[in-house]
Amino acid sequence: MSLKVVLITIGVLLFGLLVFLPFIFSERLVSPAAPDQNGVGVYKSVDGGMTWALKSRVDERGVVFPSAVLSFVFHPKERNIIFLGTKGAGLWVSQNGGESWARAIDIKGALKISAEVYDIAVNRLRPDEMYLAVFQENLGRVLKSADGGRSFAEVYAVPVNRFVVFDVEV
């Protein structure tokens, strides 16, 4: 074995340890005030994380936005606006800091309500410009909005079925 192969192998092993060790030795945090609560929902802290308050629980089964949450981002100028991407339930928006949520309905139809929204990026200089990394209709895609999420257009599609776009940056 060459020295290069050995160093690459050691690097991969160290990376794996750094990524997985925190999950192996981490504990699930439970509130002493409500140990029977499962903690599902959107929580907000106004004191730097010392205390947290449940802001919204979407349904009685403890399922958030009828699906798993995959991504979220705060609007760069309006801190009460939050965008949230889900696995199989599209994009959701809160206009009031997470108190209530509404499904984002794309008026042009490029973003499907059943999309898996893996990542959301909002342009800090032009906040009405945003990008989504989505998986819908069996293809990974990148969608762009120029109107703050009211409508989207496809700017990229993976050329192979069942391949996902996981990340998008502005």
N, C-alpha and C. Protein backbone atom coordinates (compact mmCIF):
# COMPACT_ATOMS: atom_id res chain seq x y z
N MET A 1 0.84 -1.18 0.00
CA MET A 1 0.00 0.00 0.00
C MET A 1 0.88 1.24 0.00
N SER A 2 0.48 2.20 -0.79
CA SER A 2 1.27 3.43 -0.84
C SER A 2 0.90 4.33 0.33
N LEU A 3 1.77 5.26 0.62
CA LEU A 3 1.56 6.20 1.71
C LEU A 3 0.30 7.04 1.46
N LYS A 4 0.04 7.38 0.20
CA LYS A 4 -1.15 8.16 -0.15
C LYS A 4 -2.43 7.42 0.21
N VAL A 5 -2.50 6.12 -0.08
CA VAL A 5 -3.69 5.32 0.23
C VAL A 5 -3.87 5.22 1.74
N VAL A 6 -2.78 5.03 2.48
CA VAL A 6 -2.86 4.93 3.94
C VAL A 6 -3.36 6.24 4.52
N LEU A 7 -2.84 7.37 4.05
CA LEU A 7 -3.28 8.67 4.57
C LEU A 7 -4.74 8.95 4.24
N ILE A 8 -5.17 8.59 3.06
CA ILE A 8 -6.58 8.77 2.70
C ILE A 8 -7.47 7.90 3.58
N THR A 9 -7.07 6.66 3.82
CA THR A 9 -7.84 5.75 4.68
C THR A 9 -7.95 6.31 6.09
N ILE A 10 -6.84 6.80 6.63
CA ILE A 10 -6.85 7.38 7.98
C ILE A 10 -7.76 8.61 8.01
N GLY A 11 -7.68 9.44 6.97
CA GLY A 11 -8.53 10.63 6.90
C GLY A 11 -10.01 10.28 6.88
N VAL A 12 -10.37 9.27 6.11
CA VAL A 12 -11.77 8.84 6.04
C VAL A 12 -12.23 8.31 7.39
N LEU A 13 -11.41 7.53 8.06
CA LEU A 13 -11.77 7.00 9.39
C LEU A 13 -11.95 8.12 10.40
N LEU A 14 -11.03 9.10 10.41
CA LEU A 14 -11.14 10.22 11.34
C LEU A 14 -12.40 11.05 11.06
N PHE A 15 -12.68 11.27 9.80
CA PHE A 15 -13.89 12.00 9.44
C PHE A 15 -15.13 11.27 9.94
N GLY A 16 -15.17 9.96 9.73
CA GLY A 16 -16.30 9.16 10.21
C GLY A 16 -16.47 9.25 11.71
N LEU A 17 -15.37 9.21 12.45
CA LEU A 17 -15.44 9.33 13.90
C LEU A 17 -15.97 10.70 14.31
N LEU A 18 -15.48 11.75 13.66
CA LEU A 18 -15.93 13.10 14.00
C LEU A 18 -17.41 13.30 13.70
N VAL A 19 -17.90 12.67 12.67
CA VAL A 19 -19.30 12.82 12.30
C VAL A 19 -20.21 11.99 13.18
N PHE A 20 -19.84 10.74 13.46
CA PHE A 20 -20.76 9.82 14.13
C PHE A 20 -20.61 9.75 15.65
N LEU A 21 -19.45 10.06 16.22
CA LEU A 21 -19.29 9.98 17.67
C LEU A 21 -20.27 10.86 18.44
N PRO A 22 -20.51 12.10 18.01
CA PRO A 22 -21.48 12.90 18.77
C PRO A 22 -22.86 12.27 18.85
N PHE A 23 -23.27 11.55 17.81
CA PHE A 23 -24.58 10.90 17.82
C PHE A 23 -24.59 9.65 18.68
N ILE A 24 -23.48 8.95 18.73
CA ILE A 24 -23.40 7.73 19.52
C ILE A 24 -23.48 8.04 21.00
N PHE A 25 -22.82 9.12 21.44
CA PHE A 25 -22.75 9.42 22.86
C PHE A 25 -23.71 10.52 23.30
N SER A 26 -24.57 10.99 22.42
CA SER A 26 -25.50 12.05 22.80
C SER A 26 -26.72 11.46 23.48
N GLU A 27 -27.36 12.30 24.28
CA GLU A 27 -28.57 11.89 24.98
C GLU A 27 -29.74 12.69 24.44
N ARG A 28 -30.91 12.13 24.58
CA ARG A 28 -32.12 12.86 24.20
C ARG A 28 -32.48 13.76 25.37
N LEU A 29 -32.68 15.04 25.09
CA LEU A 29 -33.03 15.98 26.14
C LEU A 29 -34.53 15.92 26.40
N VAL A 30 -34.89 15.87 27.67
CA VAL A 30 -36.29 15.81 28.07
C VAL A 30 -36.52 16.91 29.09
N SER A 31 -37.59 17.64 28.93
CA SER A 31 -37.92 18.70 29.88
C SER A 31 -38.42 18.09 31.18
N PRO A 32 -37.86 18.49 32.32
CA PRO A 32 -38.37 17.99 33.60
C PRO A 32 -39.81 18.44 33.85
N ALA A 33 -40.20 19.57 33.26
CA ALA A 33 -41.56 20.07 33.45
C ALA A 33 -42.59 19.26 32.69
N ALA A 34 -42.18 18.61 31.60
CA ALA A 34 -43.12 17.84 30.79
C ALA A 34 -42.42 16.62 30.20
N PRO A 35 -42.06 15.65 31.05
CA PRO A 35 -41.30 14.49 30.55
C PRO A 35 -42.08 13.62 29.58
N ASP A 36 -43.42 13.71 29.58
CA ASP A 36 -44.21 12.88 28.68
C ASP A 36 -44.38 13.50 27.29
N GLN A 37 -43.96 14.75 27.11
CA GLN A 37 -44.04 15.40 25.81
C GLN A 37 -42.93 14.87 24.91
N ASN A 38 -43.24 14.68 23.63
CA ASN A 38 -42.23 14.14 22.73
C ASN A 38 -41.37 15.22 22.08
N GLY A 39 -41.65 16.49 22.33
CA GLY A 39 -40.82 17.56 21.82
C GLY A 39 -41.00 17.87 20.35
N VAL A 40 -42.04 17.33 19.73
CA VAL A 40 -42.25 17.57 18.31
C VAL A 40 -42.93 18.91 18.13
N GLY A 41 -42.38 19.72 17.27
CA GLY A 41 -42.96 21.01 16.98
C GLY A 41 -41.89 22.03 16.70
N VAL A 42 -42.29 23.29 16.65
CA VAL A 42 -41.36 24.38 16.43
C VAL A 42 -41.23 25.14 17.74
N TYR A 43 -40.00 25.29 18.19
CA TYR A 43 -39.72 25.96 19.45
C TYR A 43 -38.99 27.26 19.18
N LYS A 44 -39.17 28.25 20.10
CA LYS A 44 -38.54 29.55 19.94
C LYS A 44 -37.93 29.98 21.27
N SER A 45 -36.73 30.55 21.19
CA SER A 45 -36.08 31.10 22.37
C SER A 45 -35.86 32.59 22.15
N VAL A 46 -36.13 33.38 23.18
CA VAL A 46 -35.89 34.82 23.10
C VAL A 46 -34.82 35.26 24.09
N ASP A 47 -34.17 34.29 24.74
CA ASP A 47 -33.14 34.62 25.73
C ASP A 47 -31.82 33.89 25.45
N GLY A 48 -31.50 33.75 24.18
CA GLY A 48 -30.23 33.14 23.81
C GLY A 48 -30.18 31.64 24.02
N GLY A 49 -31.32 31.00 24.12
CA GLY A 49 -31.36 29.55 24.24
C GLY A 49 -31.46 29.03 25.66
N MET A 50 -31.61 29.90 26.64
CA MET A 50 -31.75 29.45 28.03
C MET A 50 -33.09 28.76 28.25
N THR A 51 -34.14 29.30 27.64
CA THR A 51 -35.46 28.68 27.73
C THR A 51 -36.06 28.63 26.33
N TRP A 52 -36.97 27.68 26.15
CA TRP A 52 -37.60 27.47 24.85
C TRP A 52 -39.10 27.32 25.05
N ALA A 53 -39.87 27.88 24.12
CA ALA A 53 -41.33 27.76 24.17
C ALA A 53 -41.83 27.12 22.89
N LEU A 54 -42.76 26.19 23.04
CA LEU A 54 -43.38 25.55 21.88
C LEU A 54 -44.24 26.58 21.16
N LYS A 55 -43.94 26.82 19.89
CA LYS A 55 -44.68 27.82 19.12
C LYS A 55 -45.76 27.19 18.26
N SER A 56 -45.53 26.00 17.76
CA SER A 56 -46.57 25.38 16.94
C SER A 56 -46.38 23.88 16.87
N ARG A 57 -47.48 23.21 17.04
CA ARG A 57 -47.54 21.76 16.86
C ARG A 57 -48.62 21.58 15.80
N VAL A 58 -48.25 20.99 14.71
CA VAL A 58 -49.14 21.03 13.56
C VAL A 58 -50.32 20.09 13.66
N ASP A 59 -50.11 18.87 14.10
CA ASP A 59 -51.27 18.01 14.27
C ASP A 59 -51.19 17.21 15.56
N GLU A 60 -52.32 16.64 15.93
CA GLU A 60 -52.43 15.97 17.23
C GLU A 60 -51.61 14.69 17.31
N ARG A 61 -51.17 14.15 16.20
CA ARG A 61 -50.35 12.93 16.22
C ARG A 61 -48.89 13.24 16.48
N GLY A 62 -48.54 14.53 16.60
CA GLY A 62 -47.15 14.90 16.80
C GLY A 62 -46.35 14.92 15.51
N VAL A 63 -47.04 14.92 14.38
CA VAL A 63 -46.35 14.96 13.09
C VAL A 63 -46.26 16.41 12.65
N VAL A 64 -45.06 16.87 12.37
CA VAL A 64 -44.87 18.25 11.97
C VAL A 64 -45.07 18.39 10.47
N PHE A 65 -45.93 19.26 10.08
CA PHE A 65 -46.18 19.58 8.68
C PHE A 65 -46.42 18.34 7.86
N PRO A 66 -47.30 17.49 8.26
CA PRO A 66 -47.55 16.11 7.91
C PRO A 66 -46.35 15.33 7.42
N SER A 67 -45.15 15.73 7.79
CA SER A 67 -43.96 15.08 7.27
C SER A 67 -42.76 15.48 8.09
N ALA A 68 -41.62 14.88 7.79
CA ALA A 68 -40.37 15.24 8.45
C ALA A 68 -39.89 16.60 7.93
N VAL A 69 -39.30 17.37 8.82
CA VAL A 69 -38.72 18.66 8.44
C VAL A 69 -37.31 18.39 7.92
N LEU A 70 -37.02 18.87 6.71
CA LEU A 70 -35.71 18.67 6.10
C LEU A 70 -34.86 19.93 6.13
N SER A 71 -35.48 21.10 6.11
CA SER A 71 -34.71 22.34 6.05
C SER A 71 -35.56 23.51 6.54
N PHE A 72 -34.88 24.55 7.01
CA PHE A 72 -35.59 25.78 7.32
C PHE A 72 -34.61 26.94 7.20
N VAL A 73 -35.16 28.11 6.93
CA VAL A 73 -34.33 29.31 6.81
C VAL A 73 -35.17 30.52 7.21
N PHE A 74 -34.51 31.47 7.86
CA PHE A 74 -35.15 32.73 8.20
C PHE A 74 -34.95 33.71 7.06
N HIS A 75 -35.95 34.53 6.81
CA HIS A 75 -35.84 35.60 5.84
C HIS A 75 -34.73 36.54 6.33
N PRO A 76 -33.83 37.00 5.46
CA PRO A 76 -32.70 37.81 5.92
C PRO A 76 -33.07 39.20 6.42
N LYS A 77 -34.21 39.73 6.03
CA LYS A 77 -34.61 41.08 6.45
C LYS A 77 -35.77 41.06 7.44
N GLU A 78 -36.70 40.15 7.27
CA GLU A 78 -37.89 40.06 8.12
C GLU A 78 -37.77 38.81 8.99
N ARG A 79 -37.34 38.96 10.24
CA ARG A 79 -37.03 37.83 11.10
C ARG A 79 -38.25 37.00 11.48
N ASN A 80 -39.45 37.52 11.31
CA ASN A 80 -40.65 36.74 11.63
C ASN A 80 -41.06 35.82 10.49
N ILE A 81 -40.44 35.98 9.32
CA ILE A 81 -40.76 35.11 8.19
C ILE A 81 -39.80 33.93 8.18
N ILE A 82 -40.35 32.72 8.23
CA ILE A 82 -39.55 31.50 8.24
C ILE A 82 -40.07 30.59 7.13
N PHE A 83 -39.14 30.04 6.37
CA PHE A 83 -39.47 29.05 5.34
C PHE A 83 -39.03 27.69 5.85
N LEU A 84 -39.87 26.68 5.63
CA LEU A 84 -39.58 25.34 6.14
C LEU A 84 -39.84 24.31 5.05
N GLY A 85 -38.84 23.48 4.77
CA GLY A 85 -38.97 22.43 3.76
C GLY A 85 -39.25 21.09 4.40
N THR A 86 -40.12 20.31 3.79
CA THR A 86 -40.53 19.03 4.37
C THR A 86 -40.26 17.87 3.42
N LYS A 87 -40.37 16.68 3.96
CA LYS A 87 -40.22 15.47 3.17
C LYS A 87 -41.60 15.03 2.70
N GLY A 88 -41.94 15.40 1.50
CA GLY A 88 -43.20 14.96 0.91
C GLY A 88 -44.39 15.87 1.14
N ALA A 89 -44.19 17.03 1.77
CA ALA A 89 -45.31 17.95 1.99
C ALA A 89 -44.96 19.36 1.54
N GLY A 90 -43.94 19.50 0.72
CA GLY A 90 -43.63 20.79 0.11
C GLY A 90 -43.01 21.81 1.03
N LEU A 91 -43.24 23.07 0.69
CA LEU A 91 -42.68 24.22 1.39
C LEU A 91 -43.76 24.87 2.25
N TRP A 92 -43.37 25.22 3.48
CA TRP A 92 -44.28 25.89 4.40
C TRP A 92 -43.68 27.24 4.78
N VAL A 93 -44.57 28.21 5.13
CA VAL A 93 -44.12 29.55 5.47
C VAL A 93 -44.85 30.02 6.72
N SER A 94 -44.08 30.65 7.61
CA SER A 94 -44.67 31.34 8.76
C SER A 94 -44.37 32.82 8.60
N GLN A 95 -45.39 33.64 8.78
CA GLN A 95 -45.24 35.10 8.70
C GLN A 95 -45.11 35.72 10.09
N ASN A 96 -45.25 34.89 11.14
CA ASN A 96 -45.30 35.43 12.51
C ASN A 96 -44.37 34.68 13.47
N GLY A 97 -43.18 34.37 13.01
CA GLY A 97 -42.17 33.77 13.88
C GLY A 97 -42.47 32.36 14.32
N GLY A 98 -43.26 31.63 13.56
CA GLY A 98 -43.54 30.24 13.89
C GLY A 98 -44.83 30.01 14.66
N GLU A 99 -45.59 31.07 14.92
CA GLU A 99 -46.86 30.90 15.63
C GLU A 99 -47.85 30.10 14.79
N SER A 100 -47.88 30.37 13.49
CA SER A 100 -48.76 29.63 12.59
C SER A 100 -48.03 29.42 11.27
N TRP A 101 -48.49 28.43 10.52
CA TRP A 101 -47.84 28.03 9.27
C TRP A 101 -48.87 27.85 8.17
N ALA A 102 -48.44 28.12 6.95
CA ALA A 102 -49.27 27.88 5.78
C ALA A 102 -48.41 27.23 4.70
N ARG A 103 -49.01 26.32 3.97
CA ARG A 103 -48.29 25.69 2.87
C ARG A 103 -48.09 26.74 1.76
N ALA A 104 -46.88 26.81 1.23
CA ALA A 104 -46.61 27.70 0.10
C ALA A 104 -47.18 27.07 -1.16
N ILE A 105 -48.05 27.79 -1.81
CA ILE A 105 -48.66 27.31 -3.05
C ILE A 105 -48.04 28.09 -4.20
N ASP A 106 -47.35 27.39 -5.07
CA ASP A 106 -46.69 27.99 -6.23
C ASP A 106 -47.75 28.32 -7.29
N ILE A 107 -47.93 29.60 -7.57
CA ILE A 107 -48.98 30.00 -8.52
C ILE A 107 -48.68 29.56 -9.95
N LYS A 108 -47.42 29.23 -10.24
CA LYS A 108 -47.06 28.74 -11.58
C LYS A 108 -47.00 27.22 -11.66
N GLY A 109 -47.00 26.55 -10.51
CA GLY A 109 -47.06 25.10 -10.49
C GLY A 109 -45.74 24.35 -10.60
N ALA A 110 -44.60 25.05 -10.60
CA ALA A 110 -43.31 24.36 -10.69
C ALA A 110 -43.00 23.59 -9.40
N LEU A 111 -43.37 24.15 -8.25
CA LEU A 111 -43.19 23.48 -6.96
C LEU A 111 -44.45 22.70 -6.63
N LYS A 112 -44.32 21.40 -6.54
CA LYS A 112 -45.47 20.53 -6.23
C LYS A 112 -45.70 20.51 -4.72
N ILE A 113 -46.96 20.35 -4.32
CA ILE A 113 -47.25 20.32 -2.88
C ILE A 113 -46.72 19.06 -2.21
N SER A 114 -46.38 18.05 -3.00
CA SER A 114 -45.83 16.81 -2.46
C SER A 114 -44.30 16.75 -2.56
N ALA A 115 -43.67 17.88 -2.87
CA ALA A 115 -42.21 17.90 -3.06
C ALA A 115 -41.48 17.63 -1.75
N GLU A 116 -40.31 17.04 -1.88
CA GLU A 116 -39.36 16.92 -0.77
C GLU A 116 -38.40 18.10 -0.91
N VAL A 117 -38.46 19.04 0.02
CA VAL A 117 -37.64 20.26 -0.05
C VAL A 117 -36.43 20.07 0.86
N TYR A 118 -35.31 19.69 0.26
CA TYR A 118 -34.10 19.35 1.02
C TYR A 118 -33.32 20.57 1.48
N ASP A 119 -33.37 21.66 0.73
CA ASP A 119 -32.62 22.85 1.14
C ASP A 119 -33.31 24.09 0.60
N ILE A 120 -33.10 25.19 1.32
CA ILE A 120 -33.67 26.49 0.96
C ILE A 120 -32.55 27.51 1.09
N ALA A 121 -32.39 28.36 0.09
CA ALA A 121 -31.41 29.44 0.15
C ALA A 121 -32.08 30.73 -0.27
N VAL A 122 -31.93 31.76 0.57
CA VAL A 122 -32.49 33.08 0.27
C VAL A 122 -31.33 34.05 0.06
N ASN A 123 -31.37 34.80 -1.02
CA ASN A 123 -30.33 35.77 -1.33
C ASN A 123 -30.40 36.91 -0.32
N ARG A 124 -29.32 37.13 0.42
CA ARG A 124 -29.30 38.18 1.44
C ARG A 124 -29.39 39.58 0.84
N LEU A 125 -28.85 39.76 -0.36
CA LEU A 125 -28.88 41.08 -0.99
C LEU A 125 -30.20 41.36 -1.69
N ARG A 126 -30.83 40.31 -2.19
CA ARG A 126 -32.14 40.41 -2.85
C ARG A 126 -33.06 39.35 -2.23
N PRO A 127 -33.67 39.66 -1.09
CA PRO A 127 -34.42 38.64 -0.34
C PRO A 127 -35.61 38.04 -1.07
N ASP A 128 -36.10 38.67 -2.12
CA ASP A 128 -37.19 38.06 -2.89
C ASP A 128 -36.70 36.91 -3.76
N GLU A 129 -35.37 36.80 -3.92
CA GLU A 129 -34.78 35.72 -4.72
C GLU A 129 -34.43 34.56 -3.81
N MET A 130 -35.02 33.41 -4.10
CA MET A 130 -34.73 32.22 -3.30
C MET A 130 -34.64 31.00 -4.19
N TYR A 131 -33.91 30.00 -3.68
CA TYR A 131 -33.71 28.75 -4.42
C TYR A 131 -34.09 27.58 -3.53
N LEU A 132 -34.63 26.54 -4.12
CA LEU A 132 -34.98 25.32 -3.41
C LEU A 132 -34.29 24.14 -4.07
N ALA A 133 -33.74 23.24 -3.25
CA ALA A 133 -33.27 21.94 -3.73
C ALA A 133 -34.39 20.96 -3.42
N VAL A 134 -35.04 20.43 -4.46
CA VAL A 134 -36.22 19.59 -4.25
C VAL A 134 -36.09 18.26 -4.99
N PHE A 135 -36.89 17.31 -4.52
CA PHE A 135 -37.09 16.05 -5.22
C PHE A 135 -38.59 15.92 -5.42
N GLN A 136 -39.00 15.89 -6.69
CA GLN A 136 -40.42 15.75 -7.02
C GLN A 136 -40.55 15.10 -8.38
N GLU A 137 -41.61 14.35 -8.53
CA GLU A 137 -41.86 13.63 -9.78
C GLU A 137 -40.65 12.80 -10.20
N ASN A 138 -40.01 12.18 -9.21
CA ASN A 138 -38.91 11.23 -9.41
C ASN A 138 -37.61 11.86 -9.90
N LEU A 139 -37.47 13.20 -9.79
CA LEU A 139 -36.25 13.88 -10.21
C LEU A 139 -35.81 14.91 -9.18
N GLY A 140 -34.50 15.03 -9.00
CA GLY A 140 -33.95 16.14 -8.23
C GLY A 140 -33.96 17.39 -9.08
N ARG A 141 -34.31 18.51 -8.45
CA ARG A 141 -34.42 19.77 -9.20
C ARG A 141 -33.96 20.94 -8.34
N VAL A 142 -33.59 22.02 -9.01
CA VAL A 142 -33.37 23.30 -8.35
C VAL A 142 -34.42 24.26 -8.90
N LEU A 143 -35.17 24.87 -7.98
CA LEU A 143 -36.21 25.82 -8.36
C LEU A 143 -35.80 27.21 -7.89
N LYS A 144 -36.16 28.22 -8.65
CA LYS A 144 -35.84 29.60 -8.30
C LYS A 144 -37.13 30.42 -8.23
N SER A 145 -37.18 31.29 -7.22
CA SER A 145 -38.28 32.25 -7.10
C SER A 145 -37.68 33.65 -7.11
N ALA A 146 -38.31 34.56 -7.82
CA ALA A 146 -37.90 35.96 -7.84
C ALA A 146 -38.91 36.84 -7.11
N ASP A 147 -39.94 36.21 -6.51
CA ASP A 147 -41.00 36.98 -5.86
C ASP A 147 -41.26 36.51 -4.42
N GLY A 148 -40.21 36.08 -3.74
CA GLY A 148 -40.33 35.71 -2.33
C GLY A 148 -41.05 34.41 -2.07
N GLY A 149 -41.13 33.54 -3.06
CA GLY A 149 -41.74 32.23 -2.86
C GLY A 149 -43.18 32.11 -3.33
N ARG A 150 -43.71 33.13 -3.99
CA ARG A 150 -45.07 33.03 -4.51
C ARG A 150 -45.13 32.19 -5.78
N SER A 151 -44.03 32.21 -6.55
CA SER A 151 -43.96 31.37 -7.75
C SER A 151 -42.52 30.91 -7.95
N PHE A 152 -42.37 29.78 -8.63
CA PHE A 152 -41.05 29.19 -8.86
C PHE A 152 -40.92 28.79 -10.32
N ALA A 153 -39.66 28.73 -10.76
CA ALA A 153 -39.33 28.21 -12.09
C ALA A 153 -38.18 27.23 -11.93
N GLU A 154 -38.21 26.16 -12.69
CA GLU A 154 -37.13 25.18 -12.64
C GLU A 154 -35.90 25.74 -13.36
N VAL A 155 -34.74 25.71 -12.68
CA VAL A 155 -33.50 26.17 -13.30
C VAL A 155 -32.52 25.03 -13.53
N TYR A 156 -32.79 23.87 -12.92
CA TYR A 156 -31.94 22.69 -13.12
C TYR A 156 -32.73 21.44 -12.76
N ALA A 157 -32.52 20.39 -13.53
CA ALA A 157 -33.08 19.07 -13.21
C ALA A 157 -31.99 18.03 -13.42
N VAL A 158 -31.87 17.12 -12.46
CA VAL A 158 -30.91 16.03 -12.58
C VAL A 158 -31.32 15.18 -13.78
N PRO A 159 -30.38 14.79 -14.64
CA PRO A 159 -30.76 14.06 -15.85
C PRO A 159 -31.12 12.59 -15.63
N VAL A 160 -30.99 12.10 -14.40
CA VAL A 160 -31.23 10.68 -14.13
C VAL A 160 -32.34 10.55 -13.08
N ASN A 161 -33.30 9.68 -13.32
CA ASN A 161 -34.38 9.44 -12.35
C ASN A 161 -33.82 8.98 -11.01
N ARG A 162 -34.55 9.34 -9.96
CA ARG A 162 -34.29 8.93 -8.58
C ARG A 162 -32.99 9.50 -8.00
N PHE A 163 -32.42 10.53 -8.60
CA PHE A 163 -31.28 11.22 -8.03
C PHE A 163 -31.78 12.54 -7.45
N VAL A 164 -31.25 12.90 -6.29
CA VAL A 164 -31.76 14.03 -5.52
C VAL A 164 -30.76 15.17 -5.53
N VAL A 165 -31.24 16.40 -5.49
CA VAL A 165 -30.41 17.57 -5.20
C VAL A 165 -30.60 17.86 -3.72
N PHE A 166 -29.51 17.78 -2.94
CA PHE A 166 -29.61 17.93 -1.50
C PHE A 166 -29.29 19.34 -1.01
N ASP A 167 -28.54 20.11 -1.78
CA ASP A 167 -28.03 21.37 -1.25
C ASP A 167 -28.09 22.44 -2.33
N VAL A 168 -28.32 23.66 -1.90
CA VAL A 168 -28.32 24.81 -2.80
C VAL A 168 -27.81 26.01 -2.00
N GLU A 169 -26.99 26.83 -2.63
CA GLU A 169 -26.41 28.01 -1.98
C GLU A 169 -26.57 29.21 -2.89
N VAL A 170 -26.63 30.39 -2.29
CA VAL A 170 -26.67 31.64 -3.05
C VAL A 170 -25.38 32.38 -2.76
